[in-house]
N, C-alpha and C. Protein backbone atom coordinates (compact mmCIF):
# COMPACT_ATOMS: atom_id res chain seq x y z
N UNK A 1 -7.19 14.35 -9.51
CA UNK A 1 -6.12 14.84 -10.37
C UNK A 1 -4.96 13.86 -10.34
N UNK A 2 -4.21 13.84 -11.42
CA UNK A 2 -3.03 12.99 -11.41
C UNK A 2 -1.86 13.68 -10.72
N UNK A 3 -1.82 15.02 -10.74
CA UNK A 3 -0.80 15.79 -10.04
C UNK A 3 -1.51 16.87 -9.23
N UNK A 4 -0.98 17.16 -8.05
CA UNK A 4 -1.59 18.21 -7.23
C UNK A 4 -0.46 19.04 -6.61
N UNK A 5 -0.66 20.35 -6.59
CA UNK A 5 0.31 21.25 -6.00
C UNK A 5 0.16 21.21 -4.48
N UNK A 6 1.26 21.24 -3.78
CA UNK A 6 1.22 21.13 -2.33
C UNK A 6 0.47 22.31 -1.70
N UNK A 7 0.53 23.48 -2.31
CA UNK A 7 -0.23 24.63 -1.82
C UNK A 7 -1.73 24.41 -1.96
N UNK A 8 -2.16 23.84 -3.10
CA UNK A 8 -3.57 23.51 -3.30
C UNK A 8 -4.02 22.43 -2.32
N UNK A 9 -3.13 21.49 -2.06
CA UNK A 9 -3.44 20.42 -1.12
C UNK A 9 -3.64 20.98 0.29
N UNK A 10 -2.81 21.93 0.67
CA UNK A 10 -2.94 22.57 1.98
C UNK A 10 -4.29 23.27 2.10
N UNK A 11 -4.68 24.00 1.06
CA UNK A 11 -5.97 24.70 1.05
C UNK A 11 -7.13 23.70 1.16
N UNK A 12 -7.03 22.62 0.42
CA UNK A 12 -8.06 21.59 0.45
C UNK A 12 -8.17 20.94 1.83
N UNK A 13 -7.02 20.61 2.41
CA UNK A 13 -7.03 20.01 3.74
C UNK A 13 -7.63 20.96 4.76
N UNK A 14 -7.25 22.24 4.72
CA UNK A 14 -7.79 23.22 5.67
C UNK A 14 -9.31 23.33 5.52
N UNK A 15 -9.80 23.37 4.29
CA UNK A 15 -11.24 23.47 4.06
C UNK A 15 -11.98 22.26 4.63
N UNK A 16 -11.44 21.05 4.40
CA UNK A 16 -12.11 19.85 4.88
C UNK A 16 -11.99 19.68 6.40
N UNK A 17 -10.92 20.15 6.98
CA UNK A 17 -10.80 20.11 8.44
C UNK A 17 -11.86 21.02 9.05
N UNK A 18 -12.01 22.23 8.48
CA UNK A 18 -12.95 23.20 9.02
C UNK A 18 -14.41 22.85 8.75
N UNK A 19 -14.71 22.30 7.56
CA UNK A 19 -16.12 22.05 7.21
C UNK A 19 -16.59 20.63 7.49
N UNK A 20 -15.69 19.67 7.43
CA UNK A 20 -16.08 18.26 7.59
C UNK A 20 -15.47 17.61 8.82
N UNK A 21 -14.51 18.28 9.44
CA UNK A 21 -13.87 17.72 10.63
C UNK A 21 -13.01 16.50 10.34
N UNK A 22 -12.40 16.45 9.16
CA UNK A 22 -11.59 15.27 8.82
C UNK A 22 -10.45 15.10 9.81
N UNK A 23 -10.03 13.86 10.03
CA UNK A 23 -8.95 13.54 10.96
C UNK A 23 -7.83 12.76 10.29
N UNK A 24 -8.08 12.30 9.05
CA UNK A 24 -7.10 11.49 8.33
C UNK A 24 -7.09 11.89 6.86
N UNK A 25 -5.88 12.02 6.31
CA UNK A 25 -5.70 12.30 4.89
C UNK A 25 -4.89 11.15 4.31
N UNK A 26 -5.34 10.62 3.18
CA UNK A 26 -4.61 9.56 2.49
C UNK A 26 -4.13 10.11 1.16
N UNK A 27 -2.83 10.00 0.93
CA UNK A 27 -2.23 10.48 -0.31
C UNK A 27 -1.66 9.30 -1.07
N UNK A 28 -2.24 9.06 -2.20
CA UNK A 28 -1.79 7.96 -3.07
C UNK A 28 -1.41 8.59 -4.39
N UNK A 29 -0.31 9.09 -4.35
CA UNK A 29 1.04 8.66 -4.22
C UNK A 29 1.93 9.88 -4.06
N UNK A 30 2.92 9.83 -3.20
CA UNK A 30 3.78 10.96 -2.87
C UNK A 30 4.39 11.63 -4.09
N UNK A 31 4.76 10.86 -5.07
CA UNK A 31 5.45 11.41 -6.25
C UNK A 31 4.51 12.17 -7.20
N UNK A 32 3.21 12.24 -6.87
CA UNK A 32 2.27 13.02 -7.67
C UNK A 32 2.07 14.42 -7.13
N UNK A 33 2.81 14.78 -6.09
CA UNK A 33 2.70 16.11 -5.51
C UNK A 33 3.74 17.03 -6.17
N UNK A 34 3.27 18.18 -6.60
CA UNK A 34 4.16 19.17 -7.20
C UNK A 34 4.27 20.37 -6.26
N UNK A 35 5.20 21.24 -6.56
CA UNK A 35 5.39 22.42 -5.74
C UNK A 35 6.00 23.52 -6.58
N UNK A 36 5.61 24.75 -6.30
CA UNK A 36 6.22 25.88 -7.01
C UNK A 36 7.66 26.08 -6.51
N UNK A 37 7.95 25.56 -5.33
CA UNK A 37 9.29 25.61 -4.77
C UNK A 37 10.05 24.40 -5.32
N UNK A 38 10.72 24.59 -6.44
CA UNK A 38 11.42 23.48 -7.09
C UNK A 38 12.86 23.40 -6.64
N UNK A 39 13.27 22.23 -6.35
CA UNK A 39 14.65 21.95 -5.97
C UNK A 39 15.42 21.49 -7.19
N UNK A 40 16.72 21.39 -7.05
CA UNK A 40 17.55 20.97 -8.18
C UNK A 40 17.48 19.47 -8.43
N UNK A 41 16.96 18.71 -7.48
CA UNK A 41 16.85 17.27 -7.68
C UNK A 41 15.49 16.78 -7.22
N UNK A 42 15.08 15.64 -7.74
CA UNK A 42 13.82 15.04 -7.33
C UNK A 42 13.86 14.66 -5.86
N UNK A 43 15.00 14.20 -5.38
CA UNK A 43 15.12 13.82 -3.97
C UNK A 43 14.87 15.01 -3.05
N UNK A 44 15.40 16.18 -3.40
CA UNK A 44 15.18 17.38 -2.57
C UNK A 44 13.73 17.85 -2.66
N UNK A 45 13.14 17.70 -3.83
CA UNK A 45 11.72 18.05 -3.99
C UNK A 45 10.85 17.17 -3.10
N UNK A 46 11.10 15.87 -3.12
CA UNK A 46 10.33 14.94 -2.28
C UNK A 46 10.55 15.27 -0.81
N UNK A 47 11.78 15.58 -0.42
CA UNK A 47 12.07 15.94 0.97
C UNK A 47 11.27 17.18 1.38
N UNK A 48 11.21 18.18 0.51
CA UNK A 48 10.43 19.39 0.79
C UNK A 48 8.95 19.05 0.98
N UNK A 49 8.42 18.22 0.11
CA UNK A 49 7.01 17.83 0.20
C UNK A 49 6.73 17.05 1.49
N UNK A 50 7.60 16.12 1.84
CA UNK A 50 7.41 15.33 3.05
C UNK A 50 7.44 16.22 4.28
N UNK A 51 8.37 17.14 4.34
CA UNK A 51 8.45 18.06 5.49
C UNK A 51 7.21 18.95 5.57
N UNK A 52 6.75 19.44 4.42
CA UNK A 52 5.55 20.28 4.39
C UNK A 52 4.32 19.49 4.85
N UNK A 53 4.19 18.27 4.39
CA UNK A 53 3.05 17.43 4.80
C UNK A 53 3.11 17.13 6.29
N UNK A 54 4.29 16.90 6.81
CA UNK A 54 4.46 16.65 8.24
C UNK A 54 4.00 17.88 9.04
N UNK A 55 4.38 19.06 8.58
CA UNK A 55 3.95 20.29 9.25
C UNK A 55 2.43 20.48 9.17
N UNK A 56 1.82 20.08 8.05
CA UNK A 56 0.36 20.17 7.92
C UNK A 56 -0.32 19.26 8.94
N UNK A 57 0.23 18.08 9.15
CA UNK A 57 -0.34 17.17 10.15
C UNK A 57 -0.30 17.80 11.53
N UNK A 58 0.80 18.41 11.85
CA UNK A 58 0.93 19.06 13.16
C UNK A 58 -0.01 20.26 13.26
N UNK A 59 -0.06 21.06 12.21
CA UNK A 59 -0.89 22.28 12.22
C UNK A 59 -2.37 21.96 12.39
N UNK A 60 -2.85 20.94 11.68
CA UNK A 60 -4.27 20.62 11.71
C UNK A 60 -4.60 19.44 12.63
N UNK A 61 -3.58 18.92 13.35
CA UNK A 61 -3.78 17.81 14.28
C UNK A 61 -4.51 16.63 13.62
N UNK A 62 -3.92 16.15 12.55
CA UNK A 62 -4.53 15.02 11.86
C UNK A 62 -3.48 14.00 11.46
N UNK A 63 -3.95 12.82 11.14
CA UNK A 63 -3.08 11.76 10.67
C UNK A 63 -3.01 11.79 9.15
N UNK A 64 -1.93 11.25 8.64
CA UNK A 64 -1.78 11.22 7.19
C UNK A 64 -1.11 9.91 6.80
N UNK A 65 -1.69 9.25 5.83
CA UNK A 65 -1.13 8.02 5.27
C UNK A 65 -0.67 8.37 3.86
N UNK A 66 0.63 8.20 3.62
CA UNK A 66 1.20 8.56 2.34
C UNK A 66 1.80 7.32 1.70
N UNK A 67 1.39 7.02 0.49
CA UNK A 67 1.94 5.89 -0.24
C UNK A 67 3.15 6.37 -1.03
N UNK A 68 4.24 5.62 -0.91
CA UNK A 68 5.46 5.92 -1.66
C UNK A 68 6.05 4.60 -2.14
N UNK A 69 6.66 4.63 -3.29
CA UNK A 69 7.25 3.42 -3.86
C UNK A 69 8.72 3.31 -3.50
N UNK A 70 9.21 2.09 -3.63
CA UNK A 70 10.63 1.82 -3.44
C UNK A 70 11.35 2.01 -4.75
N UNK A 71 12.67 2.10 -4.66
CA UNK A 71 13.48 2.06 -5.88
C UNK A 71 13.24 0.72 -6.56
N UNK A 72 13.52 0.65 -7.84
CA UNK A 72 13.35 -0.59 -8.59
C UNK A 72 14.13 -1.71 -7.91
N UNK A 73 13.46 -2.82 -7.69
CA UNK A 73 14.06 -3.95 -7.01
C UNK A 73 14.68 -4.92 -8.01
N UNK A 74 15.71 -5.65 -7.60
CA UNK A 74 16.37 -6.56 -8.53
C UNK A 74 15.48 -7.70 -9.00
N UNK A 75 14.55 -8.13 -8.15
CA UNK A 75 13.61 -9.18 -8.54
C UNK A 75 12.43 -9.19 -7.58
N UNK A 76 11.42 -9.96 -7.91
CA UNK A 76 10.20 -9.99 -7.11
C UNK A 76 10.35 -10.67 -5.77
N UNK A 77 11.48 -11.33 -5.53
CA UNK A 77 11.70 -12.01 -4.26
C UNK A 77 12.49 -11.16 -3.27
N UNK A 78 12.94 -9.97 -3.70
CA UNK A 78 13.72 -9.08 -2.83
C UNK A 78 12.81 -8.36 -1.85
N UNK A 79 13.12 -8.46 -0.56
CA UNK A 79 12.36 -7.74 0.46
C UNK A 79 13.00 -6.36 0.66
N UNK A 80 12.29 -5.30 0.35
CA UNK A 80 12.87 -3.96 0.51
C UNK A 80 12.98 -3.58 1.98
N UNK A 81 13.85 -2.63 2.24
CA UNK A 81 14.03 -2.13 3.60
C UNK A 81 13.61 -0.67 3.66
N UNK A 82 13.62 -0.14 4.84
CA UNK A 82 13.23 1.25 5.07
C UNK A 82 14.13 2.22 4.30
N UNK A 83 15.33 1.81 4.00
CA UNK A 83 16.31 2.69 3.34
C UNK A 83 16.15 2.73 1.82
N UNK A 84 15.15 2.06 1.29
CA UNK A 84 15.03 1.94 -0.16
C UNK A 84 13.87 2.74 -0.76
N UNK A 85 13.35 3.73 -0.03
CA UNK A 85 12.29 4.55 -0.61
C UNK A 85 12.83 5.32 -1.81
N UNK A 86 12.03 5.41 -2.83
CA UNK A 86 12.43 6.08 -4.07
C UNK A 86 12.66 7.56 -3.84
N UNK A 87 13.80 8.05 -4.29
CA UNK A 87 14.16 9.47 -4.35
C UNK A 87 14.43 10.18 -3.04
N UNK A 88 14.27 9.52 -1.89
CA UNK A 88 14.47 10.34 -0.71
C UNK A 88 14.65 9.55 0.57
N UNK A 89 15.67 9.94 1.30
CA UNK A 89 15.82 9.42 2.66
C UNK A 89 14.97 10.25 3.62
N UNK A 90 14.43 11.37 3.14
CA UNK A 90 13.59 12.23 3.98
C UNK A 90 12.33 11.49 4.42
N UNK A 91 11.86 10.57 3.60
CA UNK A 91 10.68 9.78 3.98
C UNK A 91 11.01 9.02 5.26
N UNK A 92 12.16 8.37 5.25
CA UNK A 92 12.61 7.60 6.41
C UNK A 92 12.79 8.51 7.62
N UNK A 93 13.37 9.69 7.42
CA UNK A 93 13.68 10.58 8.52
C UNK A 93 12.44 11.25 9.11
N UNK A 94 11.50 11.67 8.27
CA UNK A 94 10.35 12.46 8.72
C UNK A 94 9.18 11.64 9.22
N UNK A 95 9.03 10.43 8.73
CA UNK A 95 7.86 9.63 9.06
C UNK A 95 7.81 9.30 10.55
N UNK A 96 6.62 9.36 11.13
CA UNK A 96 6.42 8.92 12.51
C UNK A 96 6.36 7.40 12.55
N UNK A 97 5.73 6.84 11.54
CA UNK A 97 5.60 5.40 11.42
C UNK A 97 5.82 5.04 9.96
N UNK A 98 6.54 3.96 9.72
CA UNK A 98 6.73 3.49 8.35
C UNK A 98 6.34 2.02 8.28
N UNK A 99 5.40 1.75 7.40
CA UNK A 99 4.94 0.38 7.15
C UNK A 99 5.41 -0.03 5.77
N UNK A 100 5.91 -1.23 5.66
CA UNK A 100 6.37 -1.75 4.38
C UNK A 100 5.48 -2.93 3.99
N UNK A 101 5.01 -2.92 2.75
CA UNK A 101 4.25 -4.05 2.23
C UNK A 101 5.10 -4.76 1.19
N UNK A 102 5.12 -6.08 1.26
CA UNK A 102 5.90 -6.86 0.29
C UNK A 102 5.16 -8.14 -0.04
N UNK A 103 5.21 -8.50 -1.32
CA UNK A 103 4.63 -9.76 -1.79
C UNK A 103 5.61 -10.37 -2.77
N UNK A 104 5.86 -11.66 -2.64
CA UNK A 104 6.77 -12.38 -3.53
C UNK A 104 6.07 -12.60 -4.87
N UNK A 105 6.41 -11.80 -5.84
CA UNK A 105 5.74 -11.88 -7.14
C UNK A 105 6.32 -12.95 -8.05
N UNK A 106 7.41 -13.59 -7.61
CA UNK A 106 8.00 -14.64 -8.45
C UNK A 106 7.83 -16.03 -7.85
N UNK A 107 7.17 -16.12 -6.70
CA UNK A 107 6.99 -17.40 -6.03
C UNK A 107 5.86 -18.22 -6.64
N UNK A 108 5.53 -19.30 -5.98
CA UNK A 108 4.44 -20.17 -6.40
C UNK A 108 3.12 -19.40 -6.27
N UNK A 109 2.06 -19.86 -6.93
CA UNK A 109 0.77 -19.17 -6.76
C UNK A 109 0.35 -19.04 -5.30
N UNK A 110 0.62 -20.05 -4.47
CA UNK A 110 0.28 -19.97 -3.05
C UNK A 110 1.14 -18.91 -2.35
N UNK A 111 2.43 -18.85 -2.68
CA UNK A 111 3.32 -17.84 -2.08
C UNK A 111 2.91 -16.43 -2.49
N UNK A 112 2.37 -16.28 -3.68
CA UNK A 112 1.97 -14.95 -4.16
C UNK A 112 0.72 -14.43 -3.45
N UNK A 113 0.02 -15.28 -2.73
CA UNK A 113 -1.15 -14.85 -1.95
C UNK A 113 -0.76 -14.28 -0.59
N UNK A 114 0.51 -14.41 -0.23
CA UNK A 114 0.97 -13.95 1.08
C UNK A 114 1.63 -12.57 0.95
N UNK A 115 1.16 -11.66 1.77
CA UNK A 115 1.72 -10.31 1.85
C UNK A 115 2.31 -10.13 3.23
N UNK A 116 3.49 -9.55 3.27
CA UNK A 116 4.12 -9.25 4.55
C UNK A 116 3.95 -7.76 4.85
N UNK A 117 3.45 -7.47 6.03
CA UNK A 117 3.30 -6.11 6.52
C UNK A 117 4.34 -5.92 7.62
N UNK A 118 5.32 -5.06 7.36
CA UNK A 118 6.41 -4.85 8.32
C UNK A 118 6.30 -3.46 8.92
N UNK A 119 6.30 -3.41 10.24
CA UNK A 119 6.41 -2.12 10.93
C UNK A 119 7.91 -1.86 11.03
N UNK A 120 8.41 -0.98 10.16
CA UNK A 120 9.84 -0.75 10.05
C UNK A 120 10.32 0.42 10.91
N UNK A 121 9.39 1.31 11.27
CA UNK A 121 9.75 2.45 12.11
C UNK A 121 8.52 2.90 12.86
N UNK A 122 8.72 3.27 14.11
CA UNK A 122 7.64 3.83 14.90
C UNK A 122 8.22 4.72 15.98
N UNK A 123 7.70 5.92 16.07
CA UNK A 123 8.12 6.83 17.15
C UNK A 123 7.24 6.64 18.38
N UNK A 124 6.27 5.77 18.25
CA UNK A 124 5.39 5.44 19.38
C UNK A 124 5.93 4.17 20.03
N UNK A 125 5.30 3.74 21.08
CA UNK A 125 5.73 2.53 21.77
C UNK A 125 5.10 1.31 21.09
N UNK A 126 5.56 1.06 19.86
CA UNK A 126 5.04 -0.05 19.06
C UNK A 126 6.20 -0.99 18.74
N UNK A 127 5.97 -2.28 18.90
CA UNK A 127 7.00 -3.26 18.59
C UNK A 127 7.20 -3.34 17.08
N UNK A 128 8.45 -3.24 16.64
CA UNK A 128 8.76 -3.40 15.23
C UNK A 128 8.72 -4.90 14.90
N UNK A 129 8.25 -5.22 13.71
CA UNK A 129 8.19 -6.62 13.31
C UNK A 129 7.37 -6.79 12.06
N UNK A 130 7.15 -8.05 11.71
CA UNK A 130 6.46 -8.38 10.47
C UNK A 130 5.27 -9.28 10.74
N UNK A 131 4.17 -8.98 10.07
CA UNK A 131 2.96 -9.78 10.14
C UNK A 131 2.70 -10.35 8.76
N UNK A 132 2.49 -11.67 8.69
CA UNK A 132 2.18 -12.29 7.40
C UNK A 132 0.67 -12.41 7.26
N UNK A 133 0.19 -12.01 6.08
CA UNK A 133 -1.23 -12.03 5.78
C UNK A 133 -1.47 -12.84 4.50
N UNK A 134 -2.50 -13.66 4.51
CA UNK A 134 -2.84 -14.43 3.31
C UNK A 134 -4.11 -13.82 2.70
N UNK A 135 -4.07 -13.61 1.40
CA UNK A 135 -5.22 -13.04 0.70
C UNK A 135 -6.25 -14.14 0.47
N UNK A 136 -7.47 -13.90 0.91
CA UNK A 136 -8.57 -14.83 0.70
C UNK A 136 -9.33 -14.35 -0.54
N UNK A 137 -9.13 -15.07 -1.65
CA UNK A 137 -9.74 -14.64 -2.92
C UNK A 137 -11.26 -14.61 -2.85
N UNK A 138 -11.84 -15.58 -2.16
CA UNK A 138 -13.30 -15.67 -2.09
C UNK A 138 -13.90 -14.48 -1.36
N UNK A 139 -13.32 -14.12 -0.22
CA UNK A 139 -13.84 -13.01 0.58
C UNK A 139 -13.19 -11.67 0.25
N UNK A 140 -12.09 -11.72 -0.53
CA UNK A 140 -11.33 -10.54 -0.90
C UNK A 140 -10.84 -9.78 0.33
N UNK A 141 -10.31 -10.55 1.28
CA UNK A 141 -9.78 -9.99 2.52
C UNK A 141 -8.39 -10.57 2.78
N UNK A 142 -7.66 -9.93 3.69
CA UNK A 142 -6.37 -10.44 4.15
C UNK A 142 -6.56 -10.99 5.55
N UNK A 143 -6.03 -12.19 5.79
CA UNK A 143 -6.17 -12.84 7.09
C UNK A 143 -4.79 -13.15 7.65
N UNK A 144 -4.58 -12.91 8.93
CA UNK A 144 -3.27 -13.22 9.53
C UNK A 144 -2.97 -14.72 9.43
N UNK A 145 -1.71 -15.02 9.23
CA UNK A 145 -1.30 -16.43 9.17
C UNK A 145 -0.80 -16.85 10.54
C-alpha cells in the first residue's frame, strides 16, 4: 500500500510476530503512515506515529528500521544533521539509533559514487562517527573507503 493506518500496521505486526516470529520491521517511509488520531499539524502527527511505533517495538520485543526524509536541502552538497528530519523533532527524540545517509549529488562523477553513513545518535555504547562507502557499479555493492 502507499498509505497504511498505524492501527492496521499494529495488527499486521502482531500477526507476523505470532505466526512467523519476525524480529525486525522495516518501514519505508514514515510519512506514509496515517492515523485516525489526527493532530492539528503534520509534525504532531509524525510525533504520534513515532511514539506509537516505539511502543510497538517494546511491546513485541523487535527492532524497527524506519526511513524518513530530511527537510529540503539548499543544494546537493549540504550534509544534513540529526536536527533536520522532515516535520518532526520527535524522530530525533524517540529514536534509539539514528543513521544518516548522504551523497554529494552535485560533485564529480567519482564523488557521486561515495555515500557517507553517519551514526548520529545511539543509546547503546556505540561510537558516533561517519563511514565513507564507495559504490562499486560492477558488483552493485558499497565498500568501505
